[in-house]
Amino acid sequence: MNLGAINFDCWLTIIKYLNLNDQLALYEATHGVLNGINLSLVYGWKKQHCFRLDGISIKLFEQMPEVLDIFLSSISATIQELQLKFASVEFLQQWEKYTFSNIETLECIFDDRRCHKPSTDEEIHLLTKLFPRLRCVKLGAAMRQSSRHLRHADWGTWEQGRRGNNCPKGIARWQLLEELTLSYHFRLPFFNDGIVSLPNLQSITFYQNELENDLDEMLKERWKDVHKMILNDCIDKYSWEKLRKLTSLHHLTIVHDEFFTRGIINKVVEKMNQLEQLDLVDFENWYSDDGLWQLVGYCPLLKILNISGMDLKPSFFNVNRSLMEKAMKKHCQTLTLYCGKRDSEIEELFRQHFNHPEVTLSFEPVNVELLNSNMVKIHF
């Protein structure tokens, strides 16, 4: 086939199906021979808003610095999202002649295998200079400062390495920060570094270790502001007395906690009469519906009780409806019970035994924010 016979528009269509590595290989193969293809690639780069550079594409660019210049000049005015995997500071320093003022989302993993291992401040200074309007950054390395526009920071994939495992205190400088995710390797308490006091912080996600100090410190700062909390397989790390201090908590999600018994959850929620939604996701140790109606009785404002994923047998349903009637008699509003997808027998038992004018049953999927095991997310 004569590649030169393919017109410009066809090449643009073909290029859309090629990843960046293939595009660079095509550029190198046709450069100086089929310049029309090169022009199509450059035009396509200008129209693309998101790019992912991995170790292969970075190596290709390092071997072809003149192509890197063409690429950067083409994308600098239009790129909005960027992923950099195993980039070095030396590589990014070649970008300094351009400004990427439209990039608001960045995912970056620095290459620690290089001989020159820059300081965190050097990395941050360079990123801030190149991408002055960053709003959301997901980092594979700990960093202490960042763009003044930063709204979302995700260290969820950061691994312990040369930078140690202290929580970066410089986060407290990000006055516009709204969401923060920290990885398992940030083990030391961080709430006392001023992070929780950030004026715009709306949520913080972290791995819970063996200590309760993190929650203790948070309670001192903003316990009245916590309105939603998600715990995945780690609620046993906290005492129920401390959880009950969250008097503004309206939404509590507990996911797959094999040690979390009916007796424990009763102690947690019996004083949380402000709860409006309770998610009990993927629970196994629940043998009778009596416990559910006890929970409803403790929470007269409860609008949603989600038991999707709970492993239920026909013996779960109690013929005696007195506890349901008692709980709903003092309930302030209609309760929606999300039962999750069930087989026909269990669904029919729900409809038979949970028949009440103020109870709405739903067997549709419900969206629940899920976290990795041993993670906690707190919404302010």
Protein backbone atom coordinates (compact mmCIF):
# COMPACT_ATOMS: atom_id res chain seq x y z
CA MET A 1 0.00 0.00 0.00
CA ASN A 2 1.21 3.49 -0.85
CA LEU A 3 0.95 5.32 2.49
CA GLY A 4 1.41 8.64 0.72
CA ALA A 5 -1.85 8.08 -1.14
CA ILE A 6 -3.89 8.19 2.08
CA ASN A 7 -5.37 11.66 2.50
CA PHE A 8 -5.05 13.96 5.51
CA ASP A 9 -8.51 13.26 6.96
CA CYS A 10 -7.98 9.49 6.79
CA TRP A 11 -4.70 9.82 8.63
CA LEU A 12 -6.41 11.85 11.36
CA THR A 13 -8.90 9.03 11.81
CA ILE A 14 -6.14 6.39 11.91
CA ILE A 15 -4.10 8.38 14.42
CA LYS A 16 -7.03 8.45 16.88
CA TYR A 17 -6.67 4.67 17.29
CA LEU A 18 -2.93 4.79 18.00
CA ASN A 19 -1.46 5.32 21.45
CA LEU A 20 1.33 7.85 21.88
CA ASN A 21 4.09 5.24 21.61
CA ASP A 22 2.75 4.06 18.25
CA GLN A 23 2.34 7.65 17.09
CA LEU A 24 5.97 8.39 17.90
CA ALA A 25 7.13 5.26 16.10
CA LEU A 26 5.10 6.34 13.06
CA TYR A 27 6.56 9.83 13.21
CA GLU A 28 10.10 8.47 13.33
CA ALA A 29 9.48 6.02 10.47
CA THR A 30 7.98 8.62 8.12
CA HIS A 31 10.00 11.71 9.05
CA GLY A 32 11.62 13.22 5.97
CA VAL A 33 9.91 10.66 3.74
CA LEU A 34 6.17 11.19 4.15
CA ASN A 35 5.92 14.62 5.72
CA GLY A 36 2.15 14.64 5.26
CA ILE A 37 1.86 11.95 7.91
CA ASN A 38 4.03 14.00 10.26
CA LEU A 39 1.74 16.99 9.73
CA SER A 40 -1.28 14.83 10.50
CA LEU A 41 0.31 13.69 13.76
CA VAL A 42 1.11 17.24 14.83
CA TYR A 43 -2.41 18.40 13.98
CA GLY A 44 -3.84 15.48 15.97
CA TRP A 45 -1.68 16.35 18.98
CA LYS A 46 -3.01 19.91 18.94
CA LYS A 47 -6.60 18.63 19.09
CA GLN A 48 -6.05 16.08 21.88
CA HIS A 49 -6.71 17.22 25.47
CA CYS A 50 -5.33 14.27 27.45
CA PHE A 51 -1.97 12.50 27.15
CA ARG A 52 -0.27 9.62 28.94
CA LEU A 53 3.52 9.38 28.86
CA ASP A 54 4.98 6.14 30.18
CA GLY A 55 8.53 4.85 30.37
CA ILE A 56 8.52 3.84 26.69
CA SER A 57 7.31 7.16 25.29
CA ILE A 58 9.65 9.09 27.60
CA LYS A 59 12.59 7.02 26.37
CA LEU A 60 11.56 7.66 22.75
CA PHE A 61 11.37 11.40 23.40
CA GLU A 62 14.80 11.33 25.06
CA GLN A 63 16.17 9.71 21.91
CA MET A 64 14.44 12.30 19.69
CA PRO A 65 14.67 15.68 21.48
CA GLU A 66 13.65 17.55 18.33
CA VAL A 67 10.39 15.56 18.23
CA LEU A 68 9.84 16.36 21.91
CA ASP A 69 10.05 20.08 21.06
CA ILE A 70 7.51 19.66 18.27
CA PHE A 71 5.24 17.65 20.56
CA LEU A 72 5.40 20.13 23.44
CA SER A 73 4.86 23.16 21.23
CA SER A 74 1.83 21.41 19.72
CA ILE A 75 0.12 20.49 23.01
CA SER A 76 1.09 23.34 25.36
CA ALA A 77 -1.93 25.52 24.57
CA THR A 78 -4.60 22.80 24.55
CA ILE A 79 -3.68 19.92 26.89
CA GLN A 80 -5.90 19.67 29.99
CA GLU A 81 -4.98 16.33 31.61
CA LEU A 82 -1.57 14.66 31.83
CA GLN A 83 -0.27 11.35 33.16
CA LEU A 84 3.48 10.98 33.66
CA LYS A 85 4.84 7.60 34.68
CA PHE A 86 8.53 7.25 35.60
CA ALA A 87 9.42 10.77 34.52
CA SER A 88 12.68 12.32 35.69
CA VAL A 89 13.25 15.91 36.67
CA GLU A 90 15.84 16.10 33.88
CA PHE A 91 13.17 15.13 31.36
CA LEU A 92 10.69 17.68 32.67
CA GLN A 93 13.32 20.41 32.66
CA GLN A 94 13.20 20.21 28.87
CA TRP A 95 9.58 21.39 29.13
CA GLU A 96 10.49 24.70 30.78
CA LYS A 97 10.45 26.72 27.58
CA TYR A 98 6.69 26.11 27.43
CA THR A 99 3.82 26.86 29.83
CA PHE A 100 0.89 24.48 30.16
CA SER A 101 -1.68 26.87 31.53
CA ASN A 102 -4.73 24.68 30.82
CA ILE A 103 -3.59 21.60 32.74
CA GLU A 104 -5.73 21.22 35.85
CA THR A 105 -5.37 17.46 36.37
CA LEU A 106 -2.00 15.74 36.76
CA GLU A 107 -0.99 12.19 37.64
CA CYS A 108 2.75 11.90 38.18
CA ILE A 109 5.15 9.18 39.31
CA PHE A 110 8.78 10.28 39.42
CA ASP A 111 11.54 7.90 38.47
CA ASP A 112 13.66 7.21 41.55
CA ARG A 113 15.97 4.91 39.62
CA ARG A 114 17.88 7.79 38.06
CA CYS A 115 21.33 8.64 39.32
CA HIS A 116 20.24 12.14 40.22
CA LYS A 117 17.59 11.94 42.92
CA PRO A 118 16.09 15.40 43.29
CA SER A 119 14.66 16.79 46.47
CA THR A 120 10.94 17.01 46.94
CA ASP A 121 11.14 20.81 46.80
CA GLU A 122 12.93 20.62 43.45
CA GLU A 123 10.22 18.40 42.02
CA ILE A 124 7.41 20.58 43.33
CA HIS A 125 9.02 23.80 42.19
CA LEU A 126 9.29 22.43 38.69
CA LEU A 127 5.71 21.13 38.58
CA THR A 128 4.36 24.40 39.91
CA LYS A 129 6.27 26.33 37.27
CA LEU A 130 5.15 24.12 34.40
CA PHE A 131 1.54 23.69 35.51
CA PRO A 132 0.51 26.89 37.33
CA ARG A 133 -3.21 26.10 37.40
CA LEU A 134 -3.22 22.58 38.86
CA ARG A 135 -6.44 21.73 40.66
CA CYS A 136 -6.20 17.96 41.00
CA VAL A 137 -2.98 15.99 41.42
CA LYS A 138 -2.42 12.28 41.98
CA LEU A 139 1.13 11.58 43.01
CA GLY A 140 3.23 8.48 43.33
CA ALA A 141 5.69 10.30 45.54
CA ALA A 142 5.39 12.43 48.67
CA MET A 143 5.46 16.17 48.07
CA ARG A 144 5.39 19.02 50.50
CA GLN A 145 4.09 22.00 48.56
CA SER A 146 2.10 22.57 45.41
CA SER A 147 0.18 24.95 43.25
CA ARG A 148 -1.95 27.48 45.05
CA HIS A 149 -4.90 26.36 42.89
CA LEU A 150 -4.79 22.74 44.08
CA ARG A 151 -8.22 21.35 45.09
CA HIS A 152 -7.70 17.56 45.05
CA ALA A 153 -4.56 15.66 46.11
CA ASP A 154 -4.27 11.89 45.95
CA TRP A 155 -1.33 10.02 47.52
CA GLY A 156 -3.26 6.75 47.45
CA THR A 157 -0.61 4.97 45.36
CA TRP A 158 2.44 6.45 47.09
CA GLU A 159 4.89 3.81 48.26
CA GLN A 160 7.38 4.02 51.08
CA GLY A 161 10.82 4.91 49.76
CA ARG A 162 13.56 7.45 49.97
CA ARG A 163 11.31 10.17 51.32
CA GLY A 164 10.32 8.35 54.48
CA ASN A 165 6.79 7.90 55.71
CA ASN A 166 5.90 11.09 57.56
CA CYS A 167 2.81 12.90 56.46
CA PRO A 168 3.95 15.96 54.49
CA LYS A 169 3.38 18.95 56.74
CA GLY A 170 3.36 21.30 53.76
CA ILE A 171 -0.17 20.12 52.93
CA ALA A 172 -1.37 22.67 55.46
CA ARG A 173 -0.22 25.40 53.03
CA TRP A 174 -2.80 24.36 50.42
CA GLN A 175 -5.51 26.73 51.50
CA LEU A 176 -7.87 25.79 48.65
CA LEU A 177 -7.54 22.02 49.16
CA GLU A 178 -10.92 20.26 49.22
CA GLU A 179 -10.12 16.52 49.01
CA LEU A 180 -7.09 14.63 50.30
CA THR A 181 -6.22 10.92 50.00
CA LEU A 182 -3.24 9.43 51.83
CA SER A 183 -1.68 6.04 51.28
CA TYR A 184 -1.02 3.23 53.74
CA HIS A 185 2.55 4.41 54.24
CA PHE A 186 1.56 7.65 55.95
CA ARG A 187 1.50 6.06 59.37
CA LEU A 188 2.14 8.97 61.71
CA PRO A 189 -0.76 11.07 63.01
CA PHE A 190 -1.31 13.98 60.70
CA PHE A 191 -4.31 15.82 62.05
CA ASN A 192 -2.15 17.89 64.35
CA ASP A 193 -0.30 19.42 61.39
CA GLY A 194 -3.14 21.82 60.65
CA ILE A 195 -4.49 19.76 57.77
CA VAL A 196 -7.95 19.21 59.19
CA SER A 197 -8.20 22.95 59.87
CA LEU A 198 -7.80 23.86 56.20
CA PRO A 199 -10.72 26.21 55.46
CA ASN A 200 -11.99 24.42 52.33
CA LEU A 201 -11.27 20.79 53.24
CA GLN A 202 -14.34 18.66 52.53
CA SER A 203 -12.98 15.12 52.84
CA ILE A 204 -9.92 13.19 53.92
CA THR A 205 -9.24 9.51 53.16
CA PHE A 206 -6.58 7.49 54.96
CA TYR A 207 -5.57 3.99 55.99
CA GLN A 208 -6.27 3.21 59.60
CA ASN A 209 -3.36 1.63 61.43
CA GLU A 210 -3.39 0.03 64.86
CA LEU A 211 -3.63 3.34 66.71
CA GLU A 212 -6.69 5.43 67.44
CA ASN A 213 -4.70 8.66 67.72
CA ASP A 214 -5.75 9.83 64.29
CA LEU A 215 -9.44 9.94 65.13
CA ASP A 216 -8.72 11.36 68.59
CA GLU A 217 -6.83 14.28 67.06
CA MET A 218 -9.52 14.86 64.47
CA LEU A 219 -12.22 14.90 67.12
CA LYS A 220 -10.39 17.65 68.96
CA GLU A 221 -10.35 19.79 65.82
CA ARG A 222 -13.59 19.27 63.91
CA TRP A 223 -15.72 16.61 65.52
CA LYS A 224 -18.84 18.77 65.14
CA ASP A 225 -18.24 19.10 61.39
CA VAL A 226 -18.17 15.40 60.49
CA HIS A 227 -21.39 14.62 58.60
CA LYS A 228 -20.40 11.44 56.74
CA MET A 229 -18.01 8.61 57.51
CA ILE A 230 -17.05 5.48 55.56
CA LEU A 231 -15.15 2.61 57.20
CA ASN A 232 -14.04 -0.51 55.35
CA ASP A 233 -13.17 -3.42 57.62
CA CYS A 234 -11.66 -1.23 60.33
CA ILE A 235 -14.41 -0.05 62.65
CA ASP A 236 -13.04 -2.42 65.30
CA LYS A 237 -10.06 -0.04 65.56
CA TYR A 238 -12.36 2.55 67.15
CA SER A 239 -14.33 2.40 70.35
CA TRP A 240 -18.05 2.97 70.06
CA GLU A 241 -17.84 5.73 72.69
CA LYS A 242 -15.65 7.81 70.38
CA LEU A 243 -17.80 7.26 67.32
CA ARG A 244 -20.85 8.42 69.26
CA LYS A 245 -19.16 11.79 69.81
CA LEU A 246 -19.85 12.57 66.15
CA THR A 247 -23.12 14.31 66.91
CA SER A 248 -23.43 15.84 63.42
CA LEU A 249 -22.92 12.50 61.65
CA HIS A 250 -25.84 11.96 59.26
CA HIS A 251 -24.46 9.23 56.99
CA LEU A 252 -22.49 6.21 58.20
CA THR A 253 -21.20 3.47 55.88
CA ILE A 254 -19.65 0.29 57.29
CA VAL A 255 -18.28 -2.17 54.75
CA HIS A 256 -17.43 -5.85 55.21
CA ASP A 257 -16.36 -6.00 58.81
CA GLU A 258 -16.37 -9.64 59.91
CA PHE A 259 -15.83 -8.72 63.56
CA PHE A 260 -18.64 -6.20 63.66
CA THR A 261 -21.53 -7.90 65.43
CA ARG A 262 -25.09 -6.81 65.99
CA GLY A 263 -24.29 -5.98 69.60
CA ILE A 264 -21.48 -3.63 68.60
CA ILE A 265 -23.49 -1.77 66.00
CA ASN A 266 -26.33 -1.32 68.47
CA LYS A 267 -23.90 0.36 70.87
CA VAL A 268 -22.56 2.59 68.10
CA VAL A 269 -25.89 3.91 66.84
CA GLU A 270 -28.12 3.83 69.91
CA LYS A 271 -27.16 7.45 70.69
CA MET A 272 -26.93 8.56 67.04
CA ASN A 273 -30.52 9.63 66.71
CA GLN A 274 -29.46 12.16 64.08
CA LEU A 275 -28.49 9.47 61.51
CA GLU A 276 -30.32 9.77 58.18
CA GLN A 277 -28.54 7.02 56.22
CA LEU A 278 -26.89 3.81 57.36
CA ASP A 279 -25.13 1.48 54.92
CA LEU A 280 -24.26 -2.04 56.09
CA VAL A 281 -22.51 -3.46 53.04
CA ASP A 282 -21.43 -7.08 52.55
CA PHE A 283 -22.13 -8.16 56.11
CA GLU A 284 -22.33 -11.86 56.89
CA ASN A 285 -23.05 -12.24 60.61
CA TRP A 286 -26.69 -11.14 60.75
CA TYR A 287 -29.10 -13.85 61.73
CA SER A 288 -32.41 -12.10 62.43
CA ASP A 289 -34.32 -9.04 61.29
CA ASP A 290 -34.92 -8.08 64.93
CA GLY A 291 -31.55 -6.32 64.93
CA LEU A 292 -32.46 -4.20 61.92
CA TRP A 293 -35.63 -2.93 63.54
CA GLN A 294 -33.73 -2.17 66.72
CA LEU A 295 -31.41 0.03 64.64
CA VAL A 296 -34.39 1.78 63.08
CA GLY A 297 -35.79 2.35 66.55
CA TYR A 298 -32.57 4.04 67.64
CA CYS A 299 -32.59 6.36 64.59
CA PRO A 300 -36.01 8.04 64.20
CA LEU A 301 -34.71 10.31 61.41
CA LEU A 302 -33.33 7.45 59.32
CA LYS A 303 -34.33 7.82 55.68
CA ILE A 304 -32.21 5.07 54.13
CA LEU A 305 -31.12 1.71 55.51
CA ASN A 306 -28.93 -0.11 53.00
CA ILE A 307 -28.33 -3.82 53.56
CA SER A 308 -27.29 -4.68 50.03
CA GLY A 309 -24.81 -7.52 49.87
CA MET A 310 -25.81 -8.84 53.29
CA ASP A 311 -25.94 -12.63 53.17
CA LEU A 312 -29.46 -13.49 54.29
CA LYS A 313 -31.20 -16.84 54.73
CA PRO A 314 -34.96 -17.46 54.96
CA SER A 315 -34.51 -17.90 58.72
CA PHE A 316 -33.53 -14.22 58.91
CA PHE A 317 -37.17 -13.18 58.73
CA ASN A 318 -39.11 -13.20 61.99
CA VAL A 319 -42.83 -13.94 61.86
CA ASN A 320 -43.39 -11.65 64.84
CA ARG A 321 -43.78 -8.09 63.49
CA SER A 322 -43.97 -6.34 66.87
CA LEU A 323 -40.43 -4.90 66.69
CA MET A 324 -41.08 -3.45 63.23
CA GLU A 325 -44.36 -1.93 64.35
CA LYS A 326 -42.75 -0.48 67.47
CA ALA A 327 -39.83 1.05 65.54
CA MET A 328 -41.99 2.55 62.80
CA LYS A 329 -44.52 3.91 65.27
CA LYS A 330 -41.99 6.44 66.55
CA HIS A 331 -40.27 6.92 63.19
CA CYS A 332 -40.50 10.44 61.82
CA GLN A 333 -40.62 9.69 58.09
CA THR A 334 -40.78 7.02 55.41
CA LEU A 335 -37.90 4.56 55.52
CA THR A 336 -36.39 3.26 52.27
CA LEU A 337 -34.80 -0.15 52.72
CA TYR A 338 -32.28 -1.02 50.02
CA CYS A 339 -32.19 -4.80 49.95
CA GLY A 340 -29.90 -5.31 46.95
CA LYS A 341 -30.41 -7.89 44.25
CA ARG A 342 -31.99 -11.04 45.73
CA ASP A 343 -33.27 -14.35 44.47
CA SER A 344 -37.02 -14.65 44.09
CA GLU A 345 -37.52 -16.50 47.40
CA ILE A 346 -35.72 -13.89 49.54
CA GLU A 347 -37.34 -11.01 47.65
CA GLU A 348 -40.78 -12.45 48.30
CA LEU A 349 -39.96 -12.87 52.01
CA PHE A 350 -38.94 -9.19 52.17
CA ARG A 351 -42.25 -8.17 50.61
CA GLN A 352 -44.21 -10.44 52.94
CA HIS A 353 -42.53 -9.64 56.26
CA PHE A 354 -41.53 -6.00 55.73
CA ASN A 355 -44.91 -4.85 54.54
CA HIS A 356 -45.59 -1.49 56.17
CA PRO A 357 -47.10 1.76 54.81
CA GLU A 358 -44.03 3.74 55.90
CA VAL A 359 -41.45 1.27 54.55
CA THR A 360 -40.39 1.35 50.89
CA LEU A 361 -38.46 -1.64 49.59
CA SER A 362 -35.94 -1.33 46.77
CA PHE A 363 -34.13 -4.18 45.05
CA GLU A 364 -32.27 -1.91 42.66
CA PRO A 365 -28.51 -1.34 42.94
CA VAL A 366 -27.53 1.55 45.19
CA ASN A 367 -24.41 3.62 44.69
CA VAL A 368 -22.13 3.36 47.71
CA GLU A 369 -18.67 4.88 47.81
CA LEU A 370 -16.31 1.96 48.43
CA LEU A 371 -12.76 2.10 49.75
CA ASN A 372 -9.91 -0.36 50.02
CA SER A 373 -9.75 -2.53 53.11
CA ASN A 374 -8.71 -0.71 56.33
CA MET A 375 -9.47 2.68 54.83
CA VAL A 376 -11.51 5.49 56.37
CA LYS A 377 -13.05 8.47 54.63
CA ILE A 378 -14.35 11.43 56.58
CA HIS A 379 -16.55 14.12 55.04
CA PHE A 380 -16.81 17.53 56.66
